């Protein structure tokens, strides 16, 4: 279950604004940091290209998978 508290409410408000676009994001560690969100940085360029066309890349909320380091 995702509970982002006040941050989640603010994100939803921003998502309803015109000309505000998001890089897809997800929870990086839902067990230890249930309110933490991390952008999918590999999606920055595609998000910018899409925003230039007036489109929001979908889905905005994506599963975040940590890479083994």
N, C-alpha and C. Protein backbone atom coordinates (compact mmCIF):
# COMPACT_ATOMS: atom_id res chain seq x y z
N UNK A 1 0.83 -1.18 0.00
CA UNK A 1 0.00 0.00 0.00
C UNK A 1 0.88 1.24 0.00
N UNK A 2 0.55 2.19 -0.87
CA UNK A 2 1.33 3.41 -0.95
C UNK A 2 0.63 4.51 -0.17
N UNK A 3 1.37 5.10 0.76
CA UNK A 3 0.84 6.22 1.53
C UNK A 3 1.89 7.32 1.51
N UNK A 4 1.69 8.31 0.66
CA UNK A 4 2.67 9.37 0.51
C UNK A 4 2.35 10.59 1.36
N UNK A 5 1.31 10.53 2.15
CA UNK A 5 0.96 11.63 3.04
C UNK A 5 0.72 12.93 2.30
N UNK A 6 1.19 14.02 2.88
CA UNK A 6 0.99 15.34 2.30
C UNK A 6 1.70 15.49 0.96
N UNK A 7 2.84 14.84 0.81
CA UNK A 7 3.55 14.90 -0.47
C UNK A 7 2.69 14.35 -1.59
N UNK A 8 1.99 13.27 -1.32
CA UNK A 8 1.11 12.67 -2.32
C UNK A 8 -0.01 13.61 -2.72
N UNK A 9 -0.55 14.32 -1.75
CA UNK A 9 -1.60 15.29 -2.06
C UNK A 9 -1.07 16.40 -2.95
N UNK A 10 0.15 16.85 -2.68
CA UNK A 10 0.75 17.90 -3.49
C UNK A 10 1.05 17.41 -4.90
N UNK A 11 1.51 16.18 -5.03
CA UNK A 11 1.79 15.61 -6.35
C UNK A 11 0.50 15.54 -7.17
N UNK A 12 -0.58 15.10 -6.55
CA UNK A 12 -1.86 15.02 -7.26
C UNK A 12 -2.32 16.41 -7.71
N UNK A 13 -2.14 17.41 -6.86
CA UNK A 13 -2.51 18.78 -7.26
C UNK A 13 -1.68 19.24 -8.46
N UNK A 14 -0.39 18.95 -8.44
CA UNK A 14 0.47 19.34 -9.55
C UNK A 14 0.10 18.60 -10.83
N UNK A 15 -0.27 17.34 -10.70
CA UNK A 15 -0.64 16.54 -11.88
C UNK A 15 -1.87 17.11 -12.58
N UNK A 16 -2.69 17.84 -11.86
CA UNK A 16 -3.89 18.41 -12.45
C UNK A 16 -3.65 19.77 -13.11
N UNK A 17 -2.42 20.29 -12.99
CA UNK A 17 -2.10 21.57 -13.60
C UNK A 17 -1.70 21.40 -15.07
N UNK A 18 -2.09 22.36 -15.86
CA UNK A 18 -1.72 22.36 -17.27
C UNK A 18 -0.25 22.78 -17.38
N UNK A 19 0.45 22.20 -18.32
CA UNK A 19 1.86 22.50 -18.60
C UNK A 19 2.82 22.08 -17.49
N UNK A 20 2.41 21.16 -16.65
CA UNK A 20 3.31 20.57 -15.65
C UNK A 20 3.44 19.10 -16.01
N UNK A 21 4.66 18.65 -16.24
CA UNK A 21 4.91 17.28 -16.69
C UNK A 21 5.87 16.61 -15.72
N UNK A 22 5.73 15.31 -15.58
CA UNK A 22 6.53 14.53 -14.64
C UNK A 22 7.41 13.52 -15.35
N UNK A 23 8.59 13.32 -14.79
CA UNK A 23 9.41 12.17 -15.14
C UNK A 23 8.82 11.01 -14.35
N UNK A 24 8.59 9.86 -14.98
CA UNK A 24 8.03 8.73 -14.22
C UNK A 24 8.84 8.45 -12.95
N UNK A 25 8.14 8.05 -11.90
CA UNK A 25 8.79 7.82 -10.61
C UNK A 25 8.17 6.62 -9.93
N UNK A 26 8.84 6.15 -8.87
CA UNK A 26 8.33 5.02 -8.10
C UNK A 26 8.97 4.99 -6.73
N UNK A 27 8.47 4.11 -5.89
CA UNK A 27 9.03 3.94 -4.55
C UNK A 27 10.31 3.14 -4.64
N UNK A 28 11.38 3.64 -4.01
CA UNK A 28 12.65 2.93 -4.07
C UNK A 28 12.77 1.84 -3.01
N UNK A 29 12.15 2.03 -1.87
CA UNK A 29 12.20 1.01 -0.81
C UNK A 29 10.95 1.16 0.05
N UNK A 30 9.87 0.53 -0.40
CA UNK A 30 8.58 0.72 0.25
C UNK A 30 8.53 0.20 1.68
N UNK A 31 9.42 -0.74 2.04
CA UNK A 31 9.40 -1.27 3.41
C UNK A 31 10.12 -0.34 4.39
N UNK A 32 11.31 0.12 4.03
CA UNK A 32 12.10 0.96 4.92
C UNK A 32 11.76 2.44 4.80
N UNK A 33 11.35 2.87 3.59
CA UNK A 33 11.04 4.29 3.35
C UNK A 33 9.71 4.39 2.62
N UNK A 34 8.60 4.18 3.32
CA UNK A 34 7.30 4.12 2.65
C UNK A 34 6.85 5.42 2.00
N UNK A 35 7.44 6.55 2.37
CA UNK A 35 7.05 7.84 1.78
C UNK A 35 8.05 8.35 0.75
N UNK A 36 9.02 7.52 0.39
CA UNK A 36 10.09 7.96 -0.50
C UNK A 36 9.75 7.64 -1.97
N UNK A 37 10.00 8.61 -2.84
CA UNK A 37 9.81 8.42 -4.27
C UNK A 37 11.11 8.78 -4.99
N UNK A 38 11.41 8.04 -6.06
CA UNK A 38 12.61 8.29 -6.84
C UNK A 38 12.24 8.34 -8.30
N UNK A 39 12.79 9.34 -9.01
CA UNK A 39 12.54 9.46 -10.44
C UNK A 39 13.28 8.37 -11.20
N UNK A 40 12.71 7.96 -12.32
CA UNK A 40 13.38 7.04 -13.24
C UNK A 40 14.24 7.91 -14.16
N UNK A 41 15.48 8.13 -13.77
CA UNK A 41 16.34 9.08 -14.47
C UNK A 41 16.62 8.68 -15.91
N UNK A 42 16.47 7.42 -16.22
CA UNK A 42 16.62 6.98 -17.62
C UNK A 42 15.47 7.49 -18.49
N UNK A 43 14.44 8.03 -17.88
CA UNK A 43 13.27 8.52 -18.62
C UNK A 43 13.25 10.05 -18.75
N UNK A 44 14.31 10.74 -18.31
CA UNK A 44 14.32 12.20 -18.35
C UNK A 44 14.21 12.72 -19.78
N UNK A 45 15.06 12.25 -20.67
CA UNK A 45 15.05 12.74 -22.07
C UNK A 45 13.73 12.40 -22.75
N UNK A 46 13.25 11.14 -22.68
CA UNK A 46 11.94 10.87 -23.28
C UNK A 46 10.81 11.72 -22.68
N UNK A 47 10.90 12.03 -21.38
CA UNK A 47 9.89 12.86 -20.73
C UNK A 47 9.92 14.28 -21.27
N UNK A 48 11.12 14.81 -21.48
CA UNK A 48 11.25 16.16 -22.04
C UNK A 48 10.71 16.20 -23.46
N UNK A 49 11.08 15.21 -24.25
CA UNK A 49 10.60 15.16 -25.64
C UNK A 49 9.07 15.09 -25.69
N UNK A 50 8.50 14.31 -24.81
CA UNK A 50 7.05 14.19 -24.74
C UNK A 50 6.40 15.49 -24.27
N UNK A 51 7.01 16.13 -23.27
CA UNK A 51 6.47 17.38 -22.74
C UNK A 51 6.48 18.48 -23.80
N UNK A 52 7.51 18.52 -24.63
CA UNK A 52 7.58 19.50 -25.72
C UNK A 52 6.38 19.36 -26.64
N UNK A 53 5.90 18.13 -26.79
CA UNK A 53 4.73 17.86 -27.62
C UNK A 53 3.42 18.03 -26.85
N UNK A 54 3.53 18.41 -25.56
CA UNK A 54 2.34 18.62 -24.74
C UNK A 54 1.74 17.34 -24.20
N UNK A 55 2.54 16.30 -24.11
CA UNK A 55 2.06 14.99 -23.64
C UNK A 55 2.81 14.58 -22.37
N UNK A 56 2.09 13.90 -21.49
CA UNK A 56 2.69 13.31 -20.30
C UNK A 56 3.00 11.86 -20.59
N UNK A 57 4.24 11.47 -20.36
CA UNK A 57 4.61 10.06 -20.54
C UNK A 57 3.82 9.23 -19.53
N UNK A 58 3.35 8.07 -19.94
CA UNK A 58 2.56 7.19 -19.08
C UNK A 58 3.22 5.81 -19.00
N UNK A 59 3.11 5.13 -17.92
CA UNK A 59 2.52 5.56 -16.65
C UNK A 59 3.50 6.44 -15.90
N UNK A 60 2.97 7.36 -15.10
CA UNK A 60 3.81 8.26 -14.31
C UNK A 60 4.35 7.51 -13.10
N UNK A 61 3.52 6.72 -12.47
CA UNK A 61 3.93 5.93 -11.31
C UNK A 61 4.30 4.54 -11.79
N UNK A 62 5.60 4.24 -11.72
CA UNK A 62 6.10 2.96 -12.21
C UNK A 62 6.82 2.23 -11.10
N UNK A 63 6.86 0.92 -11.23
CA UNK A 63 7.61 0.12 -10.27
C UNK A 63 9.09 0.49 -10.37
N UNK A 64 9.72 0.63 -9.23
CA UNK A 64 11.15 0.97 -9.19
C UNK A 64 11.91 -0.28 -8.81
N UNK A 65 12.82 -0.67 -9.68
CA UNK A 65 13.63 -1.86 -9.41
C UNK A 65 15.07 -1.45 -9.19
N UNK A 66 15.59 -1.78 -8.03
CA UNK A 66 17.00 -1.46 -7.75
C UNK A 66 17.89 -2.39 -8.53
N UNK A 67 18.97 -1.81 -9.07
CA UNK A 67 19.97 -2.64 -9.74
C UNK A 67 20.97 -3.12 -8.71
N UNK A 68 21.43 -4.34 -8.87
CA UNK A 68 22.43 -4.87 -7.94
C UNK A 68 23.75 -4.17 -8.20
N UNK A 69 24.37 -3.66 -7.13
CA UNK A 69 25.66 -2.99 -7.27
C UNK A 69 26.71 -3.71 -6.49
